[in-house]
Amino acid sequence: MGMPNFPAEFNSLPDFEKNNVLLYLLASVGSEELALAHIMNAEGEKIQAAVAAFEDDCLTIDDLLSVNDNVNDVLKTVIKKEMLLQFKVENVQRLFDTVEDC
């Protein structure tokens, strides 16, 4: 996976007006969401590969359950990150409201 490509105005941030900074923060949330989507996709592929190996008698049921537990742990971590990103978005929304009131 390559680095995210932000629009040109975000790469250099020519000024530090509050609206531009807040937009940059929202763009960073989008980048993190994309990374989490890649992680979840990889975990789905891991499950598919494990099920295929189980069906071909290459994995035992214990091995399959172990893969499932591992995927479960990763997805729990993704959910925790999603919660942190939600807090970040809520903070940005509050700051947008503050900027608009000025």
PDB file of N, CA and C in Angstrom:
ATOM      1  N   MET A   1       0.845  -1.168   0.000  1.00  0.00           N
ATOM      2  CA  MET A   1       0.000   0.000   0.000  1.00  0.00           C
ATOM      3  C   MET A   1       0.888   1.228   0.000  1.00  0.00           C
ATOM      4  N   GLY A   2       0.617   2.150  -0.884  1.00  0.00           N
ATOM      5  CA  GLY A   2       1.396   3.375  -0.974  1.00  0.00           C
ATOM      6  C   GLY A   2       0.930   4.433   0.011  1.00  0.00           C
ATOM      7  N   MET A   3       1.650   5.512   0.023  1.00  0.00           N
ATOM      8  CA  MET A   3       1.288   6.636   0.880  1.00  0.00           C
ATOM      9  C   MET A   3       0.051   7.322   0.311  1.00  0.00           C
ATOM     10  N   PRO A   4      -0.790   7.907   1.190  1.00  0.00           N
ATOM     11  CA  PRO A   4      -1.976   8.593   0.689  1.00  0.00           C
ATOM     12  C   PRO A   4      -1.596   9.846  -0.075  1.00  0.00           C
ATOM     13  N   ASN A   5      -2.400  10.204  -1.049  1.00  0.00           N
ATOM     14  CA  ASN A   5      -2.181  11.412  -1.825  1.00  0.00           C
ATOM     15  C   ASN A   5      -3.240  12.439  -1.454  1.00  0.00           C
ATOM     16  N   PHE A   6      -2.802  13.497  -0.796  1.00  0.00           N
ATOM     17  CA  PHE A   6      -3.710  14.572  -0.432  1.00  0.00           C
ATOM     18  C   PHE A   6      -3.749  15.591  -1.556  1.00  0.00           C
ATOM     19  N   PRO A   7      -4.842  16.353  -1.644  1.00  0.00           N
ATOM     20  CA  PRO A   7      -4.866  17.450  -2.614  1.00  0.00           C
ATOM     21  C   PRO A   7      -3.693  18.399  -2.371  1.00  0.00           C
ATOM     22  N   ALA A   8      -3.241  19.081  -3.413  1.00  0.00           N
ATOM     23  CA  ALA A   8      -2.040  19.908  -3.340  1.00  0.00           C
ATOM     24  C   ALA A   8      -2.066  20.893  -2.185  1.00  0.00           C
ATOM     25  N   GLU A   9      -3.221  21.504  -1.915  1.00  0.00           N
ATOM     26  CA  GLU A   9      -3.245  22.513  -0.851  1.00  0.00           C
ATOM     27  C   GLU A   9      -2.970  21.920   0.528  1.00  0.00           C
ATOM     28  N   PHE A  10      -3.169  20.619   0.703  1.00  0.00           N
ATOM     29  CA  PHE A  10      -2.885  19.995   1.986  1.00  0.00           C
ATOM     30  C   PHE A  10      -1.418  19.593   2.123  1.00  0.00           C
ATOM     31  N   ASN A  11      -0.740  19.377   1.017  1.00  0.00           N
ATOM     32  CA  ASN A  11       0.651  18.940   1.081  1.00  0.00           C
ATOM     33  C   ASN A  11       1.574  20.027   1.608  1.00  0.00           C
ATOM     34  N   SER A  12       1.293  21.267   1.290  1.00  0.00           N
ATOM     35  CA  SER A  12       2.197  22.332   1.709  1.00  0.00           C
ATOM     36  C   SER A  12       1.618  23.206   2.814  1.00  0.00           C
ATOM     37  N   LEU A  13       0.309  23.173   2.994  1.00  0.00           N
ATOM     38  CA  LEU A  13      -0.355  24.032   3.965  1.00  0.00           C
ATOM     39  C   LEU A  13       0.240  25.443   3.950  1.00  0.00           C
ATOM     40  N   PRO A  14      -0.025  26.217   2.902  1.00  0.00           N
ATOM     41  CA  PRO A  14       0.597  27.528   2.748  1.00  0.00           C
ATOM     42  C   PRO A  14       0.276  28.497   3.871  1.00  0.00           C
ATOM     43  N   ASP A  15      -0.888  28.360   4.483  1.00  0.00           N
ATOM     44  CA  ASP A  15      -1.204  29.175   5.645  1.00  0.00           C
ATOM     45  C   ASP A  15      -1.812  28.275   6.705  1.00  0.00           C
ATOM     46  N   PHE A  16      -1.953  28.801   7.870  1.00  0.00           N
ATOM     47  CA  PHE A  16      -2.476  28.006   8.968  1.00  0.00           C
ATOM     48  C   PHE A  16      -3.821  28.555   9.435  1.00  0.00           C
ATOM     49  N   GLU A  17      -4.664  28.917   8.486  1.00  0.00           N
ATOM     50  CA  GLU A  17      -6.011  29.339   8.852  1.00  0.00           C
ATOM     51  C   GLU A  17      -6.726  28.150   9.482  1.00  0.00           C
ATOM     52  N   LYS A  18      -7.560  28.440  10.451  1.00  0.00           N
ATOM     53  CA  LYS A  18      -8.226  27.365  11.197  1.00  0.00           C
ATOM     54  C   LYS A  18      -9.003  26.425  10.281  1.00  0.00           C
ATOM     55  N   ASN A  19      -9.714  26.966   9.313  1.00  0.00           N
ATOM     56  CA  ASN A  19     -10.488  26.097   8.426  1.00  0.00           C
ATOM     57  C   ASN A  19      -9.604  25.113   7.682  1.00  0.00           C
ATOM     58  N   ASN A  20      -8.435  25.575   7.208  1.00  0.00           N
ATOM     59  CA  ASN A  20      -7.523  24.670   6.497  1.00  0.00           C
ATOM     60  C   ASN A  20      -6.978  23.590   7.422  1.00  0.00           C
ATOM     61  N   VAL A  21      -6.653  23.954   8.639  1.00  0.00           N
ATOM     62  CA  VAL A  21      -6.134  22.975   9.593  1.00  0.00           C
ATOM     63  C   VAL A  21      -7.211  21.943   9.920  1.00  0.00           C
ATOM     64  N   LEU A  22      -8.432  22.404  10.115  1.00  0.00           N
ATOM     65  CA  LEU A  22      -9.524  21.482  10.427  1.00  0.00           C
ATOM     66  C   LEU A  22      -9.796  20.537   9.260  1.00  0.00           C
ATOM     67  N   LEU A  23      -9.722  21.057   8.043  1.00  0.00           N
ATOM     68  CA  LEU A  23      -9.891  20.191   6.875  1.00  0.00           C
ATOM     69  C   LEU A  23      -8.763  19.165   6.790  1.00  0.00           C
ATOM     70  N   TYR A  24      -7.548  19.584   7.130  1.00  0.00           N
ATOM     71  CA  TYR A  24      -6.420  18.657   7.129  1.00  0.00           C
ATOM     72  C   TYR A  24      -6.641  17.552   8.171  1.00  0.00           C
ATOM     73  N   LEU A  25      -7.154  17.918   9.324  1.00  0.00           N
ATOM     74  CA  LEU A  25      -7.428  16.917  10.354  1.00  0.00           C
ATOM     75  C   LEU A  25      -8.473  15.908   9.861  1.00  0.00           C
ATOM     76  N   LEU A  26      -9.505  16.391   9.187  1.00  0.00           N
ATOM     77  CA  LEU A  26     -10.502  15.467   8.645  1.00  0.00           C
ATOM     78  C   LEU A  26      -9.905  14.576   7.560  1.00  0.00           C
ATOM     79  N   ALA A  27      -9.016  15.138   6.752  1.00  0.00           N
ATOM     80  CA  ALA A  27      -8.350  14.332   5.727  1.00  0.00           C
ATOM     81  C   ALA A  27      -7.487  13.250   6.378  1.00  0.00           C
ATOM     82  N   SER A  28      -6.870  13.569   7.506  1.00  0.00           N
ATOM     83  CA  SER A  28      -6.051  12.561   8.191  1.00  0.00           C
ATOM     84  C   SER A  28      -6.919  11.429   8.717  1.00  0.00           C
ATOM     85  N   VAL A  29      -8.145  11.755   9.156  1.00  0.00           N
ATOM     86  CA  VAL A  29      -9.080  10.710   9.580  1.00  0.00           C
ATOM     87  C   VAL A  29      -9.406   9.804   8.389  1.00  0.00           C
ATOM     88  N   GLY A  30      -9.621  10.416   7.230  1.00  0.00           N
ATOM     89  CA  GLY A  30      -9.898   9.628   6.027  1.00  0.00           C
ATOM     90  C   GLY A  30      -8.760   8.676   5.691  1.00  0.00           C
ATOM     91  N   SER A  31      -7.534   9.154   5.852  1.00  0.00           N
ATOM     92  CA  SER A  31      -6.368   8.288   5.580  1.00  0.00           C
ATOM     93  C   SER A  31      -6.308   7.119   6.554  1.00  0.00           C
ATOM     94  N   GLU A  32      -6.588   7.399   7.816  1.00  0.00           N
ATOM     95  CA  GLU A  32      -6.579   6.326   8.806  1.00  0.00           C
ATOM     96  C   GLU A  32      -7.703   5.320   8.531  1.00  0.00           C
ATOM     97  N   GLU A  33      -8.860   5.817   8.116  1.00  0.00           N
ATOM     98  CA  GLU A  33      -9.969   4.924   7.779  1.00  0.00           C
ATOM     99  C   GLU A  33      -9.591   4.015   6.612  1.00  0.00           C
ATOM    100  N   LEU A  34      -8.896   4.573   5.628  1.00  0.00           N
ATOM    101  CA  LEU A  34      -8.450   3.770   4.491  1.00  0.00           C
ATOM    102  C   LEU A  34      -7.487   2.679   4.945  1.00  0.00           C
ATOM    103  N   ALA A  35      -6.575   3.027   5.834  1.00  0.00           N
ATOM    104  CA  ALA A  35      -5.632   2.031   6.353  1.00  0.00           C
ATOM    105  C   ALA A  35      -6.374   0.926   7.099  1.00  0.00           C
ATOM    106  N   LEU A  36      -7.368   1.305   7.893  1.00  0.00           N
ATOM    107  CA  LEU A  36      -8.147   0.300   8.619  1.00  0.00           C
ATOM    108  C   LEU A  36      -8.935  -0.589   7.663  1.00  0.00           C
ATOM    109  N   ALA A  37      -9.418  -0.017   6.572  1.00  0.00           N
ATOM    110  CA  ALA A  37     -10.125  -0.814   5.572  1.00  0.00           C
ATOM    111  C   ALA A  37      -9.194  -1.853   4.963  1.00  0.00           C
ATOM    112  N   HIS A  38      -7.944  -1.479   4.722  1.00  0.00           N
ATOM    113  CA  HIS A  38      -6.969  -2.437   4.184  1.00  0.00           C
ATOM    114  C   HIS A  38      -6.701  -3.561   5.191  1.00  0.00           C
ATOM    115  N   ILE A  39      -6.620  -3.199   6.460  1.00  0.00           N
ATOM    116  CA  ILE A  39      -6.399  -4.208   7.497  1.00  0.00           C
ATOM    117  C   ILE A  39      -7.576  -5.173   7.554  1.00  0.00           C
ATOM    118  N   MET A  40      -8.797  -4.641   7.532  1.00  0.00           N
ATOM    119  CA  MET A  40      -9.974  -5.512   7.589  1.00  0.00           C
ATOM    120  C   MET A  40     -10.057  -6.406   6.357  1.00  0.00           C
ATOM    121  N   ASN A  41      -9.692  -5.872   5.199  1.00  0.00           N
ATOM    122  CA  ASN A  41      -9.680  -6.686   3.981  1.00  0.00           C
ATOM    123  C   ASN A  41      -8.667  -7.830   4.103  1.00  0.00           C
ATOM    124  N   ALA A  42      -7.497  -7.520   4.631  1.00  0.00           N
ATOM    125  CA  ALA A  42      -6.473  -8.555   4.805  1.00  0.00           C
ATOM    126  C   ALA A  42      -6.946  -9.640   5.774  1.00  0.00           C
ATOM    127  N   GLU A  43      -7.655  -9.240   6.810  1.00  0.00           N
ATOM    128  CA  GLU A  43      -8.163 -10.225   7.771  1.00  0.00           C
ATOM    129  C   GLU A  43      -9.232 -11.110   7.117  1.00  0.00           C
ATOM    130  N   GLY A  44     -10.051 -10.513   6.263  1.00  0.00           N
ATOM    131  CA  GLY A  44     -11.040 -11.309   5.530  1.00  0.00           C
ATOM    132  C   GLY A  44     -10.373 -12.324   4.620  1.00  0.00           C
ATOM    133  N   GLU A  45      -9.309 -11.894   3.952  1.00  0.00           N
ATOM    134  CA  GLU A  45      -8.562 -12.817   3.090  1.00  0.00           C
ATOM    135  C   GLU A  45      -7.903 -13.923   3.904  1.00  0.00           C
ATOM    136  N   LYS A  46      -7.453 -13.577   5.107  1.00  0.00           N
ATOM    137  CA  LYS A  46      -6.846 -14.585   5.986  1.00  0.00           C
ATOM    138  C   LYS A  46      -7.877 -15.658   6.343  1.00  0.00           C
ATOM    139  N   ILE A  47      -9.091 -15.234   6.671  1.00  0.00           N
ATOM    140  CA  ILE A  47     -10.164 -16.190   6.996  1.00  0.00           C
ATOM    141  C   ILE A  47     -10.482 -17.065   5.784  1.00  0.00           C
ATOM    142  N   GLN A  48     -10.589 -16.443   4.609  1.00  0.00           N
ATOM    143  CA  GLN A  48     -10.891 -17.206   3.399  1.00  0.00           C
ATOM    144  C   GLN A  48      -9.816 -18.255   3.134  1.00  0.00           C
ATOM    145  N   ALA A  49      -8.554 -17.875   3.295  1.00  0.00           N
ATOM    146  CA  ALA A  49      -7.457 -18.818   3.062  1.00  0.00           C
ATOM    147  C   ALA A  49      -7.485 -19.944   4.092  1.00  0.00           C
ATOM    148  N   ALA A  50      -7.796 -19.602   5.336  1.00  0.00           N
ATOM    149  CA  ALA A  50      -7.843 -20.633   6.379  1.00  0.00           C
ATOM    150  C   ALA A  50      -8.985 -21.607   6.133  1.00  0.00           C
ATOM    151  N   VAL A  51     -10.138 -21.104   5.732  1.00  0.00           N
ATOM    152  CA  VAL A  51     -11.276 -21.984   5.448  1.00  0.00           C
ATOM    153  C   VAL A  51     -10.953 -22.896   4.262  1.00  0.00           C
ATOM    154  N   ALA A  52     -10.330 -22.340   3.226  1.00  0.00           N
ATOM    155  CA  ALA A  52      -9.950 -23.161   2.075  1.00  0.00           C
ATOM    156  C   ALA A  52      -8.957 -24.242   2.488  1.00  0.00           C
ATOM    157  N   ALA A  53      -7.990 -23.882   3.319  1.00  0.00           N
ATOM    158  CA  ALA A  53      -7.012 -24.878   3.780  1.00  0.00           C
ATOM    159  C   ALA A  53      -7.692 -25.937   4.642  1.00  0.00           C
ATOM    160  N   PHE A  54      -8.655 -25.525   5.453  1.00  0.00           N
ATOM    161  CA  PHE A  54      -9.404 -26.483   6.284  1.00  0.00           C
ATOM    162  C   PHE A  54     -10.189 -27.447   5.402  1.00  0.00           C
ATOM    163  N   GLU A  55     -10.832 -26.916   4.362  1.00  0.00           N
ATOM    164  CA  GLU A  55     -11.611 -27.767   3.455  1.00  0.00           C
ATOM    165  C   GLU A  55     -10.720 -28.738   2.690  1.00  0.00           C
ATOM    166  N   ASP A  56      -9.445 -28.363   2.477  1.00  0.00           N
ATOM    167  CA  ASP A  56      -8.496 -29.245   1.789  1.00  0.00           C
ATOM    168  C   ASP A  56      -7.749 -30.151   2.767  1.00  0.00           C
ATOM    169  N   ASP A  57      -8.211 -30.185   4.012  1.00  0.00           N
ATOM    170  CA  ASP A  57      -7.595 -31.000   5.070  1.00  0.00           C
ATOM    171  C   ASP A  57      -6.149 -30.615   5.353  1.00  0.00           C
ATOM    172  N   CYS A  58      -5.814 -29.337   5.162  1.00  0.00           N
ATOM    173  CA  CYS A  58      -4.468 -28.856   5.471  1.00  0.00           C
ATOM    174  C   CYS A  58      -4.411 -28.209   6.857  1.00  0.00           C
ATOM    175  N   LEU A  59      -5.568 -27.896   7.420  1.00  0.00           N
ATOM    176  CA  LEU A  59      -5.653 -27.319   8.757  1.00  0.00           C
ATOM    177  C   LEU A  59      -6.604 -28.150   9.612  1.00  0.00           C
ATOM    178  N   THR A  60      -6.302 -28.215  10.872  1.00  0.00           N
ATOM    179  CA  THR A  60      -7.221 -28.869  11.806  1.00  0.00           C
ATOM    180  C   THR A  60      -8.249 -27.857  12.277  1.00  0.00           C
ATOM    181  N   ILE A  61      -9.260 -28.343  12.951  1.00  0.00           N
ATOM    182  CA  ILE A  61     -10.270 -27.438  13.498  1.00  0.00           C
ATOM    183  C   ILE A  61      -9.642 -26.507  14.532  1.00  0.00           C
ATOM    184  N   ASP A  62      -8.662 -27.012  15.288  1.00  0.00           N
ATOM    185  CA  ASP A  62      -7.971 -26.164  16.263  1.00  0.00           C
ATOM    186  C   ASP A  62      -7.195 -25.043  15.567  1.00  0.00           C
ATOM    187  N   ASP A  63      -6.568 -25.382  14.443  1.00  0.00           N
ATOM    188  CA  ASP A  63      -5.860 -24.351  13.674  1.00  0.00           C
ATOM    189  C   ASP A  63      -6.839 -23.292  13.158  1.00  0.00           C
ATOM    190  N   LEU A  64      -7.974 -23.755  12.675  1.00  0.00           N
ATOM    191  CA  LEU A  64      -8.981 -22.837  12.150  1.00  0.00           C
ATOM    192  C   LEU A  64      -9.516 -21.927  13.252  1.00  0.00           C
ATOM    193  N   LEU A  65      -9.753 -22.502  14.407  1.00  0.00           N
ATOM    194  CA  LEU A  65     -10.226 -21.700  15.541  1.00  0.00           C
ATOM    195  C   LEU A  65      -9.154 -20.719  16.007  1.00  0.00           C
ATOM    196  N   SER A  66      -7.910 -21.103  15.907  1.00  0.00           N
ATOM    197  CA  SER A  66      -6.812 -20.207  16.265  1.00  0.00           C
ATOM    198  C   SER A  66      -6.754 -19.002  15.322  1.00  0.00           C
ATOM    199  N   VAL A  67      -6.922 -19.259  14.039  1.00  0.00           N
ATOM    200  CA  VAL A  67      -6.966 -18.160  13.062  1.00  0.00           C
ATOM    201  C   VAL A  67      -8.145 -17.245  13.373  1.00  0.00           C
ATOM    202  N   ASN A  68      -9.280 -17.840  13.689  1.00  0.00           N
ATOM    203  CA  ASN A  68     -10.464 -17.058  14.018  1.00  0.00           C
ATOM    204  C   ASN A  68     -10.209 -16.172  15.245  1.00  0.00           C
ATOM    205  N   ASP A  69      -9.563 -16.727  16.266  1.00  0.00           N
ATOM    206  CA  ASP A  69      -9.250 -15.942  17.466  1.00  0.00           C
ATOM    207  C   ASP A  69      -8.320 -14.782  17.134  1.00  0.00           C
ATOM    208  N   ASN A  70      -7.338 -15.053  16.274  1.00  0.00           N
ATOM    209  CA  ASN A  70      -6.403 -14.005  15.884  1.00  0.00           C
ATOM    210  C   ASN A  70      -7.111 -12.884  15.141  1.00  0.00           C
ATOM    211  N   VAL A  71      -7.980 -13.232  14.201  1.00  0.00           N
ATOM    212  CA  VAL A  71      -8.740 -12.233  13.446  1.00  0.00           C
ATOM    213  C   VAL A  71      -9.644 -11.451  14.398  1.00  0.00           C
ATOM    214  N   ASN A  72     -10.249 -12.144  15.331  1.00  0.00           N
ATOM    215  CA  ASN A  72     -11.098 -11.488  16.326  1.00  0.00           C
ATOM    216  C   ASN A  72     -10.314 -10.438  17.107  1.00  0.00           C
ATOM    217  N   ASP A  73      -9.097 -10.773  17.528  1.00  0.00           N
ATOM    218  CA  ASP A  73      -8.253  -9.820  18.264  1.00  0.00           C
ATOM    219  C   ASP A  73      -7.911  -8.603  17.408  1.00  0.00           C
ATOM    220  N   VAL A  74      -7.579  -8.832  16.158  1.00  0.00           N
ATOM    221  CA  VAL A  74      -7.243  -7.714  15.261  1.00  0.00           C
ATOM    222  C   VAL A  74      -8.454  -6.814  15.067  1.00  0.00           C
ATOM    223  N   LEU A  75      -9.622  -7.405  14.863  1.00  0.00           N
ATOM    224  CA  LEU A  75     -10.825  -6.602  14.651  1.00  0.00           C
ATOM    225  C   LEU A  75     -11.222  -5.827  15.900  1.00  0.00           C
ATOM    226  N   LYS A  76     -10.974  -6.387  17.069  1.00  0.00           N
ATOM    227  CA  LYS A  76     -11.211  -5.629  18.305  1.00  0.00           C
ATOM    228  C   LYS A  76     -10.323  -4.390  18.349  1.00  0.00           C
ATOM    229  N   THR A  77      -9.088  -4.543  17.920  1.00  0.00           N
ATOM    230  CA  THR A  77      -8.163  -3.412  17.883  1.00  0.00           C
ATOM    231  C   THR A  77      -8.627  -2.375  16.862  1.00  0.00           C
ATOM    232  N   VAL A  78      -9.123  -2.832  15.728  1.00  0.00           N
ATOM    233  CA  VAL A  78      -9.650  -1.911  14.712  1.00  0.00           C
ATOM    234  C   VAL A  78     -10.832  -1.132  15.283  1.00  0.00           C
ATOM    235  N   ILE A  79     -11.718  -1.803  16.008  1.00  0.00           N
ATOM    236  CA  ILE A  79     -12.867  -1.124  16.610  1.00  0.00           C
ATOM    237  C   ILE A  79     -12.396  -0.055  17.591  1.00  0.00           C
ATOM    238  N   LYS A  80     -11.387  -0.352  18.377  1.00  0.00           N
ATOM    239  CA  LYS A  80     -10.848   0.648  19.316  1.00  0.00           C
ATOM    240  C   LYS A  80     -10.326   1.864  18.562  1.00  0.00           C
ATOM    241  N   LYS A  81      -9.636   1.620  17.474  1.00  0.00           N
ATOM    242  CA  LYS A  81      -9.115   2.728  16.661  1.00  0.00           C
ATOM    243  C   LYS A  81     -10.261   3.537  16.062  1.00  0.00           C
ATOM    244  N   GLU A  82     -11.317   2.857  15.626  1.00  0.00           N
ATOM    245  CA  GLU A  82     -12.486   3.540  15.075  1.00  0.00           C
ATOM    246  C   GLU A  82     -13.103   4.476  16.122  1.00  0.00           C
ATOM    247  N   MET A  83     -13.138   4.019  17.364  1.00  0.00           N
ATOM    248  CA  MET A  83     -13.684   4.864  18.427  1.00  0.00           C
ATOM    249  C   MET A  83     -12.827   6.114  18.620  1.00  0.00           C
ATOM    250  N   LEU A  84     -11.518   5.950  18.585  1.00  0.00           N
ATOM    251  CA  LEU A  84     -10.625   7.105  18.715  1.00  0.00           C
ATOM    252  C   LEU A  84     -10.807   8.070  17.547  1.00  0.00           C
ATOM    253  N   LEU A  85     -10.989   7.532  16.357  1.00  0.00           N
ATOM    254  CA  LEU A  85     -11.215   8.393  15.192  1.00  0.00           C
ATOM    255  C   LEU A  85     -12.543   9.135  15.315  1.00  0.00           C
ATOM    256  N   GLN A  86     -13.541   8.484  15.877  1.00  0.00           N
ATOM    257  CA  GLN A  86     -14.827   9.160  16.090  1.00  0.00           C
ATOM    258  C   GLN A  86     -14.647  10.335  17.052  1.00  0.00           C
ATOM    259  N   PHE A  87     -13.875  10.141  18.110  1.00  0.00           N
ATOM    260  CA  PHE A  87     -13.593  11.248  19.039  1.00  0.00           C
ATOM    261  C   PHE A  87     -12.891  12.390  18.309  1.00  0.00           C
ATOM    262  N   LYS A  88     -11.959  12.040  17.438  1.00  0.00           N
ATOM    263  CA  LYS A  88     -11.227  13.056  16.682  1.00  0.00           C
ATOM    264  C   LYS A  88     -12.172  13.854  15.793  1.00  0.00           C
ATOM    265  N   VAL A  89     -13.075  13.164  15.114  1.00  0.00           N
ATOM    266  CA  VAL A  89     -14.041  13.843  14.242  1.00  0.00           C
ATOM    267  C   VAL A  89     -14.961  14.739  15.070  1.00  0.00           C
ATOM    268  N   GLU A  90     -15.404  14.254  16.217  1.00  0.00           N
ATOM    269  CA  GLU A  90     -16.263  15.073  17.077  1.00  0.00           C
ATOM    270  C   GLU A  90     -15.536  16.330  17.544  1.00  0.00           C
ATOM    271  N   ASN A  91     -14.263  16.192  17.878  1.00  0.00           N
ATOM    272  CA  ASN A  91     -13.483  17.367  18.284  1.00  0.00           C
ATOM    273  C   ASN A  91     -13.344  18.359  17.133  1.00  0.00           C
ATOM    274  N   VAL A  92     -13.111  17.856  15.940  1.00  0.00           N
ATOM    275  CA  VAL A  92     -13.002  18.738  14.778  1.00  0.00           C
ATOM    276  C   VAL A  92     -14.333  19.432  14.526  1.00  0.00           C
ATOM    277  N   GLN A  93     -15.437  18.707  14.667  1.00  0.00           N
ATOM    278  CA  GLN A  93     -16.756  19.325  14.483  1.00  0.00           C
ATOM    279  C   GLN A  93     -16.972  20.462  15.479  1.00  0.00           C
ATOM    280  N   ARG A  94     -16.588  20.232  16.735  1.00  0.00           N
ATOM    281  CA  ARG A  94     -16.708  21.291  17.753  1.00  0.00           C
ATOM    282  C   ARG A  94     -15.855  22.490  17.388  1.00  0.00           C
ATOM    283  N   LEU A  95     -14.654  22.240  16.897  1.00  0.00           N
ATOM    284  CA  LEU A  95     -13.782  23.341  16.503  1.00  0.00           C
ATOM    285  C   LEU A  95     -14.338  24.091  15.304  1.00  0.00           C
ATOM    286  N   PHE A  96     -14.939  23.368  14.350  1.00  0.00           N
ATOM    287  CA  PHE A  96     -15.592  24.032  13.209  1.00  0.00           C
ATOM    288  C   PHE A  96     -16.692  24.969  13.710  1.00  0.00           C
ATOM    289  N   ASP A  97     -17.478  24.491  14.672  1.00  0.00           N
ATOM    290  CA  ASP A  97     -18.550  25.326  15.227  1.00  0.00           C
ATOM    291  C   ASP A  97     -17.964  26.577  15.882  1.00  0.00           C
ATOM    292  N   THR A  98     -16.838  26.430  16.559  1.00  0.00           N
ATOM    293  CA  THR A  98     -16.174  27.564  17.206  1.00  0.00           C
ATOM    294  C   THR A  98     -15.689  28.571  16.168  1.00  0.00           C
ATOM    295  N   VAL A  99     -15.117  28.065  15.074  1.00  0.00           N
ATOM    296  CA  VAL A  99     -14.610  28.935  14.016  1.00  0.00           C
ATOM    297  C   VAL A  99     -15.771  29.695  13.360  1.00  0.00           C
ATOM    298  N   GLU A 100     -16.883  28.991  13.133  1.00  0.00           N
ATOM    299  CA  GLU A 100     -18.026  29.616  12.487  1.00  0.00           C
ATOM    300  C   GLU A 100     -18.664  30.686  13.371  1.00  0.00           C
ATOM    301  N   ASP A 101     -18.580  30.514  14.710  1.00  0.00           N
ATOM    302  CA  ASP A 101     -19.164  31.484  15.613  1.00  0.00           C
ATOM    303  C   ASP A 101     -18.354  32.775  15.681  1.00  0.00           C
ATOM    304  N   CYS A 102     -17.074  32.710  15.282  1.00  0.00           N
ATOM    305  CA  CYS A 102     -16.212  33.897  15.370  1.00  0.00           C
ATOM    306  C   CYS A 102     -16.485  34.883  14.255  1.00  0.00           C
TER     307      CYS A 102
END
